[in-house]
Every structure is written in structure tokens, then in C-alpha cells.
Amino acid sequence: MEKSPELEIKKGYYDRYGWLVWALIILVVYGWALKGLKLSGIQASAGSVSKSILAGIFHPDWAYVYNGSGEDLVSLILQTLAIAFLGTIISAFISVPFAFWAARGGHEKWRLRSGSGKLVLTLIRTFPEIVLAIMFIKAVGPGSYAGVLAVSVHSVGMLGKLFSEAIENMDNGAEEAIVSVGGNASQVFMLATLPTIMPEFISYTLYRFEIAVRSATILGMVGAGGIGTPMLFAIQTRNWPRVGIILLGIVIMVLMIDSLSGQLRKKLV
């Protein structure tokens, strides 16, 4: 069936000028959002405070790097890494059954099962890590334990989603080969399914660990352990040299973790 010339002309106009319509819609939304902001102006002390912040950040408190007290920068950076690492490892193991639950099968009858699994993972991801940390602090008290629980629970939602997508997109050739020679379900899983998806599982886990390191830094600001707690205290007391050395430590830690994780993921996938 041939398309009418009028439809072709309208489609041509939309392809050429459609972006203007979307740009106008975006501008209207931004204008509406900015209209609700109440700009109170700049404080009179903004200049002096900004100078103090910059001076402190560029002249960090080097004595805080390590003093053997257990509350120094190195000790708390290691604690932050431990929270992120333990939370990620726990969530990686818990996410595997959720991933198989949420993964779509080749048959129509599995849609309800996978749909319910995806719904559960979405509900888990709904709660931000900082909200989970506050909830766990009320349950188990402040400290690293609450931080590990918050990272673990939130990461289950993310890793479960990524793992399920890896299962859906995996190559089924190895499974079909083992089935063709009379392999049972456990043999198919151990000899074909698991070796095929394991590199992607490890790659996603490393990627999630990178994110968990940043999250563990923030969780400390609500009392869930790590480097965030002393940084919050330093900001509240306007100890900008202490803030500067903590920020420097966080930057170095994140860069090292990202670089190491990136190299490992390149070798896996």
C-alpha cells in the first residue's frame, strides 16, 4: 500500500522541525521549574567564607592522614572500603536467585514469574541507600553494620536487574549441546549456564563495587560508618583543612578503585 503524498510531506516537516517542538516543551518545563525557586540573594559573608573554604582545601591537614588512633584518614578510608566491599559481596550472592527469578524464559508461561521477579527488584531499588541507612541505624544502631546492610539491600535491586539481563542475553549454544548428549538440568547449569554467565556476573559486581565505594562515603554522613562522619563534623565546625584532606583522600580512593576495577573488567569481558 503506497503512502499518500500528504503524509510524506507531514512526515518530512516533522523530521525537519520536530526538534523545535521538543525544545519548546523542555524550555517551558524549565521555566515552570525555575519560577518556583525563591532566590534570596547572596549572603554578605559569602566572599569571606568561600576564601576560607578554598584556603583550607588547598592547605589540607596532613597530620590527620595517619596518627594511629583508628580515627585518622587512612583507617576510615579502609573502613569505607570494607563497608562497600562486604556490602557488594553479600548482595552479589543474594542477587543470583533473584536474577534467575526475574529472567525471561523462552516460554510464554514464564512471563508471570519473570514479571513478579522484576517487580520485586524494582521495589528494592525504590529505596535510596541513605534512606535504608537511616532505617537500619534505627534498627541496629549507628556504625559500619548499618552501612553494610544499606549497601547490601540496595545493591540486590541493582545487581539482580543486571544479572537477569545477562541471563536473558546469554548464548544458549553450550546448554543445547549438553542437552543433546543427554545432560540433565544440574549438568546443564554447572557445565554450561554458570561458566557462560559468570564473567558478566563478576564484571557487574566490580562495577557495582565502584558505585558502592561512593555510596559508603555518603552514608557515613548519617552515621552509617566510614569517612563521611568525620567529614560532616569537619564541615559543621568549619575545619576546612580537615575537609580538604578528607576530600583528597576520597578522590584518591575513588580513582584507584575505578582504575583497578576497569582493568579487571576489561580482562573478564
C-alpha atoms as a PDB file:
ATOM      1  CA  MET A   1       0.000   0.000   0.000  1.00  0.00           C
ATOM      2  CA  GLU A   2       1.512   3.310  -1.116  1.00  0.00           C
ATOM      3  CA  LYS A   3       1.682   6.255   1.266  1.00  0.00           C
ATOM      4  CA  SER A   4      -0.130   9.409   0.272  1.00  0.00           C
ATOM      5  CA  PRO A   5       1.937  12.482  -0.690  1.00  0.00           C
ATOM      6  CA  GLU A   6       0.309  14.473   2.136  1.00  0.00           C
ATOM      7  CA  LEU A   7       1.564  12.013   4.752  1.00  0.00           C
ATOM      8  CA  GLU A   8       5.043  12.112   3.236  1.00  0.00           C
ATOM      9  CA  ILE A   9       5.040  15.934   3.414  1.00  0.00           C
ATOM     10  CA  LYS A  10       3.861  15.930   7.041  1.00  0.00           C
ATOM     11  CA  LYS A  11       6.496  13.364   7.970  1.00  0.00           C
ATOM     12  CA  GLY A  12       9.143  15.473   6.258  1.00  0.00           C
ATOM     13  CA  TYR A  13       8.091  18.562   8.207  1.00  0.00           C
ATOM     14  CA  TYR A  14       8.163  16.610  11.482  1.00  0.00           C
ATOM     15  CA  ASP A  15      11.601  15.161  10.753  1.00  0.00           C
ATOM     16  CA  ARG A  16      12.904  18.629   9.979  1.00  0.00           C
ATOM     17  CA  TYR A  17      11.198  20.733  12.660  1.00  0.00           C
ATOM     18  CA  GLY A  18      10.158  18.177  15.286  1.00  0.00           C
ATOM     19  CA  TRP A  19      13.150  19.002  17.454  1.00  0.00           C
ATOM     20  CA  LEU A  20      11.860  22.576  17.780  1.00  0.00           C
ATOM     21  CA  VAL A  21       8.664  21.288  19.367  1.00  0.00           C
ATOM     22  CA  TRP A  22      10.598  19.232  21.917  1.00  0.00           C
ATOM     23  CA  ALA A  23      12.969  22.137  22.600  1.00  0.00           C
ATOM     24  CA  LEU A  24       9.972  24.387  23.276  1.00  0.00           C
ATOM     25  CA  ILE A  25       8.447  21.813  25.637  1.00  0.00           C
ATOM     26  CA  ILE A  26      11.735  21.494  27.543  1.00  0.00           C
ATOM     27  CA  LEU A  27      12.051  25.296  27.820  1.00  0.00           C
ATOM     28  CA  VAL A  28       8.512  25.557  29.165  1.00  0.00           C
ATOM     29  CA  VAL A  29       9.208  22.849  31.768  1.00  0.00           C
ATOM     30  CA  TYR A  30      12.444  24.556  32.826  1.00  0.00           C
ATOM     31  CA  GLY A  31      10.690  27.920  33.023  1.00  0.00           C
ATOM     32  CA  TRP A  32       7.924  26.463  35.160  1.00  0.00           C
ATOM     33  CA  ALA A  33      10.500  24.809  37.469  1.00  0.00           C
ATOM     34  CA  LEU A  34      12.602  27.974  37.840  1.00  0.00           C
ATOM     35  CA  LYS A  35       9.507  30.030  38.581  1.00  0.00           C
ATOM     36  CA  GLY A  36       9.016  28.060  41.793  1.00  0.00           C
ATOM     37  CA  LEU A  37      12.528  28.885  43.074  1.00  0.00           C
ATOM     38  CA  LYS A  38      12.813  31.666  45.622  1.00  0.00           C
ATOM     39  CA  LEU A  39      16.177  33.364  45.137  1.00  0.00           C
ATOM     40  CA  SER A  40      17.098  35.119  48.380  1.00  0.00           C
ATOM     41  CA  GLY A  41      20.334  36.589  47.048  1.00  0.00           C
ATOM     42  CA  ILE A  42      23.931  36.058  48.179  1.00  0.00           C
ATOM     43  CA  GLN A  43      24.876  36.379  51.842  1.00  0.00           C
ATOM     44  CA  ALA A  44      27.171  39.231  52.801  1.00  0.00           C
ATOM     45  CA  SER A  45      29.683  36.760  54.286  1.00  0.00           C
ATOM     46  CA  ALA A  46      29.779  34.574  51.164  1.00  0.00           C
ATOM     47  CA  GLY A  47      33.084  36.013  49.961  1.00  0.00           C
ATOM     48  CA  SER A  48      34.999  35.515  53.217  1.00  0.00           C
ATOM     49  CA  VAL A  49      33.529  32.061  53.784  1.00  0.00           C
ATOM     50  CA  SER A  50      34.444  30.994  50.239  1.00  0.00           C
ATOM     51  CA  LYS A  51      38.013  32.203  50.733  1.00  0.00           C
ATOM     52  CA  SER A  52      38.260  30.244  54.000  1.00  0.00           C
ATOM     53  CA  ILE A  53      36.949  27.088  52.316  1.00  0.00           C
ATOM     54  CA  LEU A  54      39.368  27.360  49.402  1.00  0.00           C
ATOM     55  CA  ALA A  55      42.300  28.163  51.698  1.00  0.00           C
ATOM     56  CA  GLY A  56      41.526  25.132  53.857  1.00  0.00           C
ATOM     57  CA  ILE A  57      41.071  22.783  50.913  1.00  0.00           C
ATOM     58  CA  PHE A  58      44.334  23.848  49.285  1.00  0.00           C
ATOM     59  CA  HIS A  59      46.172  23.677  52.632  1.00  0.00           C
ATOM     60  CA  PRO A  60      44.977  20.309  53.975  1.00  0.00           C
ATOM     61  CA  ASP A  61      45.604  18.961  57.465  1.00  0.00           C
ATOM     62  CA  TRP A  62      48.406  16.487  56.694  1.00  0.00           C
ATOM     63  CA  ALA A  63      48.682  15.452  60.345  1.00  0.00           C
ATOM     64  CA  TYR A  64      45.267  13.789  60.041  1.00  0.00           C
ATOM     65  CA  VAL A  65      46.460  11.307  57.394  1.00  0.00           C
ATOM     66  CA  TYR A  66      47.608   8.768  59.982  1.00  0.00           C
ATOM     67  CA  ASN A  67      48.084   9.105  63.728  1.00  0.00           C
ATOM     68  CA  GLY A  68      47.428   5.556  64.957  1.00  0.00           C
ATOM     69  CA  SER A  69      44.200   6.468  66.744  1.00  0.00           C
ATOM     70  CA  GLY A  70      41.918   4.462  64.471  1.00  0.00           C
ATOM     71  CA  GLU A  71      40.022   7.670  63.690  1.00  0.00           C
ATOM     72  CA  ASP A  72      42.532   9.023  61.159  1.00  0.00           C
ATOM     73  CA  LEU A  73      42.085   9.306  57.395  1.00  0.00           C
ATOM     74  CA  VAL A  74      43.759   6.022  56.426  1.00  0.00           C
ATOM     75  CA  SER A  75      41.785   4.000  58.988  1.00  0.00           C
ATOM     76  CA  LEU A  76      38.448   5.494  57.978  1.00  0.00           C
ATOM     77  CA  ILE A  77      39.191   5.124  54.255  1.00  0.00           C
ATOM     78  CA  LEU A  78      39.865   1.421  54.866  1.00  0.00           C
ATOM     79  CA  GLN A  79      36.635   1.197  56.857  1.00  0.00           C
ATOM     80  CA  THR A  80      34.739   2.792  53.972  1.00  0.00           C
ATOM     81  CA  LEU A  81      36.245   0.301  51.512  1.00  0.00           C
ATOM     82  CA  ALA A  82      35.364  -2.562  53.849  1.00  0.00           C
ATOM     83  CA  ILE A  83      31.720  -1.408  54.034  1.00  0.00           C
ATOM     84  CA  ALA A  84      31.497  -1.165  50.242  1.00  0.00           C
ATOM     85  CA  PHE A  85      33.285  -4.477  49.649  1.00  0.00           C
ATOM     86  CA  LEU A  86      31.323  -6.513  52.184  1.00  0.00           C
ATOM     87  CA  GLY A  87      28.013  -4.983  51.116  1.00  0.00           C
ATOM     88  CA  THR A  88      28.734  -5.721  47.452  1.00  0.00           C
ATOM     89  CA  ILE A  89      29.838  -9.330  48.077  1.00  0.00           C
ATOM     90  CA  ILE A  90      26.750 -10.085  50.196  1.00  0.00           C
ATOM     91  CA  SER A  91      24.432  -8.554  47.595  1.00  0.00           C
ATOM     92  CA  ALA A  92      26.155 -10.435  44.742  1.00  0.00           C
ATOM     93  CA  PHE A  93      25.354 -13.812  46.322  1.00  0.00           C
ATOM     94  CA  ILE A  94      21.798 -12.816  47.252  1.00  0.00           C
ATOM     95  CA  SER A  95      21.157 -11.381  43.769  1.00  0.00           C
ATOM     96  CA  VAL A  96      21.760 -14.660  41.913  1.00  0.00           C
ATOM     97  CA  PRO A  97      18.438 -16.360  42.821  1.00  0.00           C
ATOM     98  CA  PHE A  98      16.610 -13.058  42.254  1.00  0.00           C
ATOM     99  CA  ALA A  99      18.225 -12.838  38.812  1.00  0.00           C
ATOM    100  CA  PHE A 100      17.035 -16.291  37.753  1.00  0.00           C
ATOM    101  CA  TRP A 101      13.609 -15.426  39.141  1.00  0.00           C
ATOM    102  CA  ALA A 102      13.407 -12.219  37.092  1.00  0.00           C
ATOM    103  CA  ALA A 103      14.996 -13.506  33.876  1.00  0.00           C
ATOM    104  CA  ARG A 104      12.609 -14.119  30.982  1.00  0.00           C
ATOM    105  CA  GLY A 105      12.420 -17.661  29.689  1.00  0.00           C
ATOM    106  CA  GLY A 106      11.675 -18.798  26.185  1.00  0.00           C
ATOM    107  CA  HIS A 107       8.155 -19.937  27.032  1.00  0.00           C
ATOM    108  CA  GLU A 108       5.004 -17.851  27.475  1.00  0.00           C
ATOM    109  CA  LYS A 109       4.251 -19.449  30.854  1.00  0.00           C
ATOM    110  CA  TRP A 110       7.396 -17.898  32.413  1.00  0.00           C
ATOM    111  CA  ARG A 111       6.262 -14.302  31.843  1.00  0.00           C
ATOM    112  CA  LEU A 112       4.301 -14.110  35.090  1.00  0.00           C
ATOM    113  CA  ARG A 113       7.259 -15.492  37.038  1.00  0.00           C
ATOM    114  CA  SER A 114       9.765 -13.101  35.494  1.00  0.00           C
ATOM    115  CA  GLY A 115       7.344 -10.180  35.815  1.00  0.00           C
ATOM    116  CA  SER A 116       6.934 -10.766  39.546  1.00  0.00           C
ATOM    117  CA  GLY A 117      10.711 -11.029  39.952  1.00  0.00           C
ATOM    118  CA  LYS A 118      11.301  -7.777  38.105  1.00  0.00           C
ATOM    119  CA  LEU A 119       8.635  -6.107  40.251  1.00  0.00           C
ATOM    120  CA  VAL A 120      10.365  -7.204  43.460  1.00  0.00           C
ATOM    121  CA  LEU A 121      13.744  -5.945  42.220  1.00  0.00           C
ATOM    122  CA  THR A 122      12.162  -2.619  41.241  1.00  0.00           C
ATOM    123  CA  LEU A 123      10.616  -2.260  44.697  1.00  0.00           C
ATOM    124  CA  ILE A 124      14.016  -2.912  46.307  1.00  0.00           C
ATOM    125  CA  ARG A 125      15.649  -0.264  44.096  1.00  0.00           C
ATOM    126  CA  THR A 126      12.946   2.248  45.052  1.00  0.00           C
ATOM    127  CA  PHE A 127      14.540   2.892  48.449  1.00  0.00           C
ATOM    128  CA  PRO A 128      17.683   5.085  48.240  1.00  0.00           C
ATOM    129  CA  GLU A 129      20.700   3.862  50.155  1.00  0.00           C
ATOM    130  CA  ILE A 130      20.661   6.847  52.501  1.00  0.00           C
ATOM    131  CA  VAL A 131      17.038   6.089  53.482  1.00  0.00           C
ATOM    132  CA  LEU A 132      17.920   2.445  54.062  1.00  0.00           C
ATOM    133  CA  ALA A 133      20.903   3.539  56.174  1.00  0.00           C
ATOM    134  CA  ILE A 134      18.676   5.693  58.402  1.00  0.00           C
ATOM    135  CA  MET A 135      16.224   2.801  58.786  1.00  0.00           C
ATOM    136  CA  PHE A 136      18.984   0.329  59.678  1.00  0.00           C
ATOM    137  CA  ILE A 137      20.545   2.807  62.118  1.00  0.00           C
ATOM    138  CA  LYS A 138      17.231   2.812  63.978  1.00  0.00           C
ATOM    139  CA  ALA A 139      17.245  -1.000  63.951  1.00  0.00           C
ATOM    140  CA  VAL A 140      20.889  -1.904  64.731  1.00  0.00           C
ATOM    141  CA  GLY A 141      22.374   1.398  65.872  1.00  0.00           C
ATOM    142  CA  PRO A 142      24.872   3.730  64.178  1.00  0.00           C
ATOM    143  CA  GLY A 143      28.098   2.395  62.730  1.00  0.00           C
ATOM    144  CA  SER A 144      29.509   0.248  59.960  1.00  0.00           C
ATOM    145  CA  TYR A 145      26.966  -2.560  60.404  1.00  0.00           C
ATOM    146  CA  ALA A 146      24.119  -0.284  59.330  1.00  0.00           C
ATOM    147  CA  GLY A 147      26.190   0.873  56.348  1.00  0.00           C
ATOM    148  CA  VAL A 148      26.869  -2.699  55.203  1.00  0.00           C
ATOM    149  CA  LEU A 149      23.167  -3.580  55.459  1.00  0.00           C
ATOM    150  CA  ALA A 150      22.141  -0.480  53.495  1.00  0.00           C
ATOM    151  CA  VAL A 151      24.648  -1.128  50.696  1.00  0.00           C
ATOM    152  CA  SER A 152      23.734  -4.824  50.585  1.00  0.00           C
ATOM    153  CA  VAL A 153      19.972  -4.365  50.316  1.00  0.00           C
ATOM    154  CA  HIS A 154      20.128  -1.579  47.737  1.00  0.00           C
ATOM    155  CA  SER A 155      22.719  -3.427  45.653  1.00  0.00           C
ATOM    156  CA  VAL A 156      20.467  -6.503  45.463  1.00  0.00           C
ATOM    157  CA  GLY A 157      17.998  -4.483  43.419  1.00  0.00           C
ATOM    158  CA  MET A 158      20.672  -3.223  41.032  1.00  0.00           C
ATOM    159  CA  LEU A 159      22.714  -6.406  40.672  1.00  0.00           C
ATOM    160  CA  GLY A 160      19.591  -8.549  40.395  1.00  0.00           C
ATOM    161  CA  LYS A 161      18.455  -6.461  37.424  1.00  0.00           C
ATOM    162  CA  LEU A 162      21.870  -6.589  35.720  1.00  0.00           C
ATOM    163  CA  PHE A 163      22.297 -10.315  36.381  1.00  0.00           C
ATOM    164  CA  SER A 164      18.839 -11.098  34.982  1.00  0.00           C
ATOM    165  CA  GLU A 165      19.645  -9.179  31.791  1.00  0.00           C
ATOM    166  CA  ALA A 166      22.890 -11.139  31.471  1.00  0.00           C
ATOM    167  CA  ILE A 167      20.948 -14.401  31.771  1.00  0.00           C
ATOM    168  CA  GLU A 168      18.415 -13.283  29.155  1.00  0.00           C
ATOM    169  CA  ASN A 169      21.144 -12.293  26.671  1.00  0.00           C
ATOM    170  CA  MET A 170      23.448 -15.281  27.188  1.00  0.00           C
ATOM    171  CA  ASP A 171      24.363 -17.618  24.348  1.00  0.00           C
ATOM    172  CA  ASN A 172      22.417 -20.882  24.756  1.00  0.00           C
ATOM    173  CA  GLY A 173      24.642 -22.896  22.429  1.00  0.00           C
ATOM    174  CA  ALA A 174      26.548 -24.628  25.245  1.00  0.00           C
ATOM    175  CA  GLU A 175      23.306 -25.559  27.022  1.00  0.00           C
ATOM    176  CA  GLU A 176      21.810 -27.037  23.862  1.00  0.00           C
ATOM    177  CA  ALA A 177      24.988 -29.049  23.226  1.00  0.00           C
ATOM    178  CA  ILE A 178      24.916 -30.674  26.675  1.00  0.00           C
ATOM    179  CA  VAL A 179      21.169 -31.382  26.408  1.00  0.00           C
ATOM    180  CA  SER A 180      21.715 -33.016  23.002  1.00  0.00           C
ATOM    181  CA  VAL A 181      24.116 -35.569  24.516  1.00  0.00           C
ATOM    182  CA  GLY A 182      21.724 -36.432  27.356  1.00  0.00           C
ATOM    183  CA  GLY A 183      22.807 -33.997  30.087  1.00  0.00           C
ATOM    184  CA  ASN A 184      20.394 -33.358  32.956  1.00  0.00           C
ATOM    185  CA  ALA A 185      19.377 -29.973  34.406  1.00  0.00           C
ATOM    186  CA  SER A 186      22.131 -29.832  37.035  1.00  0.00           C
ATOM    187  CA  GLN A 187      24.808 -30.713  34.464  1.00  0.00           C
ATOM    188  CA  VAL A 188      23.492 -28.052  32.087  1.00  0.00           C
ATOM    189  CA  PHE A 189      23.614 -25.462  34.860  1.00  0.00           C
ATOM    190  CA  MET A 190      27.082 -26.371  36.178  1.00  0.00           C
ATOM    191  CA  LEU A 191      28.799 -27.040  32.837  1.00  0.00           C
ATOM    192  CA  ALA A 192      27.094 -24.525  30.529  1.00  0.00           C
ATOM    193  CA  THR A 193      24.970 -21.866  32.203  1.00  0.00           C
ATOM    194  CA  LEU A 194      27.282 -20.931  35.067  1.00  0.00           C
ATOM    195  CA  PRO A 195      30.552 -20.739  33.064  1.00  0.00           C
ATOM    196  CA  THR A 196      28.798 -18.664  30.380  1.00  0.00           C
ATOM    197  CA  ILE A 197      27.320 -16.020  32.679  1.00  0.00           C
ATOM    198  CA  MET A 198      29.976 -15.924  35.401  1.00  0.00           C
ATOM    199  CA  PRO A 199      32.310 -13.410  33.642  1.00  0.00           C
ATOM    200  CA  GLU A 200      29.443 -10.964  33.234  1.00  0.00           C
ATOM    201  CA  PHE A 201      28.329 -11.505  36.827  1.00  0.00           C
ATOM    202  CA  ILE A 202      31.839 -10.703  38.084  1.00  0.00           C
ATOM    203  CA  SER A 203      32.078  -7.683  35.773  1.00  0.00           C
ATOM    204  CA  TYR A 204      28.769  -6.282  37.024  1.00  0.00           C
ATOM    205  CA  THR A 205      29.810  -6.934  40.622  1.00  0.00           C
ATOM    206  CA  LEU A 206      33.033  -4.963  40.125  1.00  0.00           C
ATOM    207  CA  TYR A 207      31.053  -2.139  38.534  1.00  0.00           C
ATOM    208  CA  ARG A 208      28.654  -2.132  41.472  1.00  0.00           C
ATOM    209  CA  PHE A 209      31.596  -2.050  43.885  1.00  0.00           C
ATOM    210  CA  GLU A 210      32.774   1.189  42.259  1.00  0.00           C
ATOM    211  CA  ILE A 211      29.373   2.746  42.967  1.00  0.00           C
ATOM    212  CA  ALA A 212      29.240   1.271  46.480  1.00  0.00           C
ATOM    213  CA  VAL A 213      32.523   2.985  47.403  1.00  0.00           C
ATOM    214  CA  ARG A 214      30.986   6.381  46.625  1.00  0.00           C
ATOM    215  CA  SER A 215      27.772   5.451  48.419  1.00  0.00           C
ATOM    216  CA  ALA A 216      29.598   4.275  51.546  1.00  0.00           C
ATOM    217  CA  THR A 217      31.291   7.687  51.708  1.00  0.00           C
ATOM    218  CA  ILE A 218      27.925   9.459  51.782  1.00  0.00           C
ATOM    219  CA  LEU A 219      26.292   7.003  54.200  1.00  0.00           C
ATOM    220  CA  GLY A 220      28.769   7.989  56.887  1.00  0.00           C
ATOM    221  CA  MET A 221      27.210  11.450  56.952  1.00  0.00           C
ATOM    222  CA  VAL A 222      24.058   9.965  58.506  1.00  0.00           C
ATOM    223  CA  GLY A 223      26.008   7.817  60.975  1.00  0.00           C
ATOM    224  CA  ALA A 224      26.435   4.595  58.977  1.00  0.00           C
ATOM    225  CA  GLY A 225      30.227   4.396  59.409  1.00  0.00           C
ATOM    226  CA  GLY A 226      33.106   5.314  57.139  1.00  0.00           C
ATOM    227  CA  ILE A 227      34.788   8.554  56.194  1.00  0.00           C
ATOM    228  CA  GLY A 228      31.535  10.515  55.851  1.00  0.00           C
ATOM    229  CA  THR A 229      31.079  11.036  59.600  1.00  0.00           C
ATOM    230  CA  PRO A 230      34.341  12.955  60.286  1.00  0.00           C
ATOM    231  CA  MET A 231      33.805  14.933  57.070  1.00  0.00           C
ATOM    232  CA  LEU A 232      30.379  16.047  58.324  1.00  0.00           C
ATOM    233  CA  PHE A 233      31.837  17.013  61.703  1.00  0.00           C
ATOM    234  CA  ALA A 234      34.634  18.953  59.994  1.00  0.00           C
ATOM    235  CA  ILE A 235      32.128  20.858  57.837  1.00  0.00           C
ATOM    236  CA  GLN A 236      29.925  21.662  60.839  1.00  0.00           C
ATOM    237  CA  THR A 237      32.895  23.004  62.814  1.00  0.00           C
ATOM    238  CA  ARG A 238      34.280  24.788  59.706  1.00  0.00           C
ATOM    239  CA  ASN A 239      37.555  22.908  59.961  1.00  0.00           C
ATOM    240  CA  TRP A 240      38.327  23.390  56.262  1.00  0.00           C
ATOM    241  CA  PRO A 241      41.883  21.973  56.328  1.00  0.00           C
ATOM    242  CA  ARG A 242      40.385  18.739  57.708  1.00  0.00           C
ATOM    243  CA  VAL A 243      37.709  18.822  54.994  1.00  0.00           C
ATOM    244  CA  GLY A 244      40.432  19.335  52.397  1.00  0.00           C
ATOM    245  CA  ILE A 245      42.487  16.302  53.417  1.00  0.00           C
ATOM    246  CA  ILE A 246      39.352  14.114  53.626  1.00  0.00           C
ATOM    247  CA  LEU A 247      38.251  15.170  50.128  1.00  0.00           C
ATOM    248  CA  LEU A 248      41.754  14.487  48.813  1.00  0.00           C
ATOM    249  CA  GLY A 249      41.680  11.024  50.354  1.00  0.00           C
ATOM    250  CA  ILE A 250      38.253  10.291  48.856  1.00  0.00           C
ATOM    251  CA  VAL A 251      39.379  11.422  45.388  1.00  0.00           C
ATOM    252  CA  ILE A 252      42.498   9.229  45.504  1.00  0.00           C
ATOM    253  CA  MET A 253      40.488   6.252  46.777  1.00  0.00           C
ATOM    254  CA  VAL A 254      37.820   6.568  44.059  1.00  0.00           C
ATOM    255  CA  LEU A 255      40.386   6.997  41.273  1.00  0.00           C
ATOM    256  CA  MET A 256      42.348   3.941  42.390  1.00  0.00           C
ATOM    257  CA  ILE A 257      39.225   1.761  42.689  1.00  0.00           C
ATOM    258  CA  ASP A 258      37.873   2.898  39.310  1.00  0.00           C
ATOM    259  CA  SER A 259      41.194   2.253  37.582  1.00  0.00           C
ATOM    260  CA  LEU A 260      41.681  -1.194  39.139  1.00  0.00           C
ATOM    261  CA  SER A 261      38.080  -2.237  38.525  1.00  0.00           C
ATOM    262  CA  GLY A 262      38.194  -1.036  34.923  1.00  0.00           C
ATOM    263  CA  GLN A 263      41.315  -3.071  34.176  1.00  0.00           C
ATOM    264  CA  LEU A 264      39.825  -6.199  35.739  1.00  0.00           C
ATOM    265  CA  ARG A 265      36.561  -5.822  33.807  1.00  0.00           C
ATOM    266  CA  LYS A 266      38.439  -5.476  30.520  1.00  0.00           C
ATOM    267  CA  LYS A 267      40.116  -8.836  31.147  1.00  0.00           C
ATOM    268  CA  LEU A 268      36.818 -10.514  32.036  1.00  0.00           C
ATOM    269  CA  VAL A 269      34.590  -9.372  29.167  1.00  0.00           C
END
